[in-house]
Amino acid sequence: MVKKRKKYDSTFKLEAIHLVNEEHRNISEVERNLDISKGLLGRWVREHKADPVESFPGKGRLKAKDEDIRRLRQELKKVQEERDIIKKALVYFAEDQK
């Protein structure tokens, strides 16, 4: 039987982190009480500590910095393909001139 993966929204994650940080409760205790997989809450706490503003963008969205990197990589790939086409065209027309 395949286990369906649970999805948690950003407000749930932030509330769980609040229980650990503000109420000084143990991570494993909060994981048990909220029925969260072992180690998951610890990862959320680390992610939130590293970037409190954009730690959980939600619903498959990337952080702004990661989105910019993805967009720039796509743009670079397109420009490289265009460059390769121009190179091939130059070779073709150079041979045609001889």
C-alpha atoms as a PDB file:
ATOM      1  CA  MET A   1       0.000   0.000   0.000  1.00  0.00           C
ATOM      2  CA  VAL A   2       1.313   3.411  -0.977  1.00  0.00           C
ATOM      3  CA  LYS A   3       1.353   6.014   1.774  1.00  0.00           C
ATOM      4  CA  LYS A   4      -0.045   9.336   0.705  1.00  0.00           C
ATOM      5  CA  ARG A   5       2.324  12.189   1.452  1.00  0.00           C
ATOM      6  CA  LYS A   6       0.969  14.807   3.841  1.00  0.00           C
ATOM      7  CA  LYS A   7       1.115  18.459   2.867  1.00  0.00           C
ATOM      8  CA  TYR A   8       1.369  21.221   5.422  1.00  0.00           C
ATOM      9  CA  ASP A   9       0.627  24.865   4.689  1.00  0.00           C
ATOM     10  CA  SER A  10       2.869  27.687   5.794  1.00  0.00           C
ATOM     11  CA  THR A  11       0.616  28.770   8.680  1.00  0.00           C
ATOM     12  CA  PHE A  12       0.713  25.257  10.165  1.00  0.00           C
ATOM     13  CA  LYS A  13       4.502  25.195   9.862  1.00  0.00           C
ATOM     14  CA  LEU A  14       4.859  28.614  11.473  1.00  0.00           C
ATOM     15  CA  GLU A  15       2.552  27.642  14.353  1.00  0.00           C
ATOM     16  CA  ALA A  16       4.580  24.468  14.955  1.00  0.00           C
ATOM     17  CA  ILE A  17       7.800  26.502  14.929  1.00  0.00           C
ATOM     18  CA  HIS A  18       6.187  28.959  17.345  1.00  0.00           C
ATOM     19  CA  LEU A  19       5.515  26.092  19.784  1.00  0.00           C
ATOM     20  CA  VAL A  20       9.197  25.167  19.709  1.00  0.00           C
ATOM     21  CA  ASN A  21      10.733  28.647  19.765  1.00  0.00           C
ATOM     22  CA  GLU A  22       8.340  30.736  21.854  1.00  0.00           C
ATOM     23  CA  GLU A  23       6.855  28.153  24.201  1.00  0.00           C
ATOM     24  CA  HIS A  24      10.162  26.284  24.559  1.00  0.00           C
ATOM     25  CA  ARG A  25       8.641  22.881  23.902  1.00  0.00           C
ATOM     26  CA  ASN A  26      10.679  19.906  22.772  1.00  0.00           C
ATOM     27  CA  ILE A  27      10.737  19.266  19.003  1.00  0.00           C
ATOM     28  CA  SER A  28      10.008  15.555  19.340  1.00  0.00           C
ATOM     29  CA  GLU A  29       7.082  16.284  21.688  1.00  0.00           C
ATOM     30  CA  VAL A  30       5.534  18.749  19.227  1.00  0.00           C
ATOM     31  CA  GLU A  31       6.063  16.279  16.363  1.00  0.00           C
ATOM     32  CA  ARG A  32       4.197  13.576  18.280  1.00  0.00           C
ATOM     33  CA  ASN A  33       1.365  15.894  19.319  1.00  0.00           C
ATOM     34  CA  LEU A  34       0.862  17.260  15.801  1.00  0.00           C
ATOM     35  CA  ASP A  35       1.440  13.879  14.101  1.00  0.00           C
ATOM     36  CA  ILE A  36       4.393  15.148  12.077  1.00  0.00           C
ATOM     37  CA  SER A  37       7.072  12.799  10.752  1.00  0.00           C
ATOM     38  CA  LYS A  38      10.186  12.521  12.897  1.00  0.00           C
ATOM     39  CA  GLY A  39      12.805  15.108  11.925  1.00  0.00           C
ATOM     40  CA  LEU A  40      10.473  17.207   9.789  1.00  0.00           C
ATOM     41  CA  LEU A  41       9.849  19.906  12.382  1.00  0.00           C
ATOM     42  CA  GLY A  42      13.588  20.217  13.017  1.00  0.00           C
ATOM     43  CA  ARG A  43      14.093  20.903   9.312  1.00  0.00           C
ATOM     44  CA  TRP A  44      11.325  23.516   9.354  1.00  0.00           C
ATOM     45  CA  VAL A  45      12.954  25.237  12.344  1.00  0.00           C
ATOM     46  CA  ARG A  46      16.341  25.324  10.558  1.00  0.00           C
ATOM     47  CA  GLU A  47      14.793  26.666   7.336  1.00  0.00           C
ATOM     48  CA  HIS A  48      12.905  29.347   9.232  1.00  0.00           C
ATOM     49  CA  LYS A  49      15.991  30.344  11.206  1.00  0.00           C
ATOM     50  CA  ALA A  50      18.022  30.655   7.978  1.00  0.00           C
ATOM     51  CA  ASP A  51      15.420  32.806   6.190  1.00  0.00           C
ATOM     52  CA  PRO A  52      12.512  33.966   8.374  1.00  0.00           C
ATOM     53  CA  VAL A  53      10.889  36.142   5.708  1.00  0.00           C
ATOM     54  CA  GLU A  54      10.730  33.677   2.794  1.00  0.00           C
ATOM     55  CA  SER A  55      11.078  30.340   4.545  1.00  0.00           C
ATOM     56  CA  PHE A  56       7.787  28.846   3.294  1.00  0.00           C
ATOM     57  CA  PRO A  57       6.563  30.423   0.029  1.00  0.00           C
ATOM     58  CA  GLY A  58       3.878  27.722  -0.352  1.00  0.00           C
ATOM     59  CA  LYS A  59       2.099  25.678  -3.019  1.00  0.00           C
ATOM     60  CA  GLY A  60       5.110  24.782  -5.133  1.00  0.00           C
ATOM     61  CA  ARG A  61       6.328  28.351  -5.466  1.00  0.00           C
ATOM     62  CA  LEU A  62      10.008  29.095  -5.201  1.00  0.00           C
ATOM     63  CA  LYS A  63      11.628  31.747  -3.082  1.00  0.00           C
ATOM     64  CA  ALA A  64      12.216  34.987  -4.978  1.00  0.00           C
ATOM     65  CA  LYS A  65      15.956  34.338  -5.222  1.00  0.00           C
ATOM     66  CA  ASP A  66      15.438  30.785  -6.482  1.00  0.00           C
ATOM     67  CA  GLU A  67      12.812  31.974  -8.964  1.00  0.00           C
ATOM     68  CA  ASP A  68      15.282  34.517 -10.383  1.00  0.00           C
ATOM     69  CA  ILE A  69      17.927  31.816 -10.753  1.00  0.00           C
ATOM     70  CA  ARG A  70      15.448  29.522 -12.541  1.00  0.00           C
ATOM     71  CA  ARG A  71      14.376  32.330 -14.890  1.00  0.00           C
ATOM     72  CA  LEU A  72      17.992  33.294 -15.660  1.00  0.00           C
ATOM     73  CA  ARG A  73      18.920  29.674 -16.412  1.00  0.00           C
ATOM     74  CA  GLN A  74      16.006  29.394 -18.841  1.00  0.00           C
ATOM     75  CA  GLU A  75      17.031  32.640 -20.503  1.00  0.00           C
ATOM     76  CA  LEU A  76      20.656  31.508 -20.747  1.00  0.00           C
ATOM     77  CA  LYS A  77      19.586  28.219 -22.337  1.00  0.00           C
ATOM     78  CA  LYS A  78      17.502  30.076 -24.927  1.00  0.00           C
ATOM     79  CA  VAL A  79      20.347  32.467 -25.781  1.00  0.00           C
ATOM     80  CA  GLN A  80      22.804  29.565 -26.107  1.00  0.00           C
ATOM     81  CA  GLU A  81      20.431  27.772 -28.490  1.00  0.00           C
ATOM     82  CA  GLU A  82      20.088  30.928 -30.574  1.00  0.00           C
ATOM     83  CA  ARG A  83      23.873  31.318 -30.636  1.00  0.00           C
ATOM     84  CA  ASP A  84      24.308  27.721 -31.794  1.00  0.00           C
ATOM     85  CA  ILE A  85      21.796  28.243 -34.601  1.00  0.00           C
ATOM     86  CA  ILE A  86      23.662  31.353 -35.772  1.00  0.00           C
ATOM     87  CA  LYS A  87      26.995  29.475 -35.707  1.00  0.00           C
ATOM     88  CA  LYS A  88      25.549  26.691 -37.854  1.00  0.00           C
ATOM     89  CA  ALA A  89      24.068  29.219 -40.266  1.00  0.00           C
ATOM     90  CA  LEU A  90      27.433  31.001 -40.596  1.00  0.00           C
ATOM     91  CA  VAL A  91      29.173  27.712 -41.378  1.00  0.00           C
ATOM     92  CA  TYR A  92      26.489  26.826 -43.929  1.00  0.00           C
ATOM     93  CA  PHE A  93      26.634  30.172 -45.735  1.00  0.00           C
ATOM     94  CA  ALA A  94      30.442  30.294 -45.605  1.00  0.00           C
ATOM     95  CA  GLU A  95      30.598  26.958 -47.430  1.00  0.00           C
ATOM     96  CA  ASP A  96      27.993  28.154 -49.911  1.00  0.00           C
ATOM     97  CA  GLN A  97      30.158  31.173 -50.885  1.00  0.00           C
ATOM     98  CA  LYS A  98      33.126  29.016 -51.995  1.00  0.00           C
END
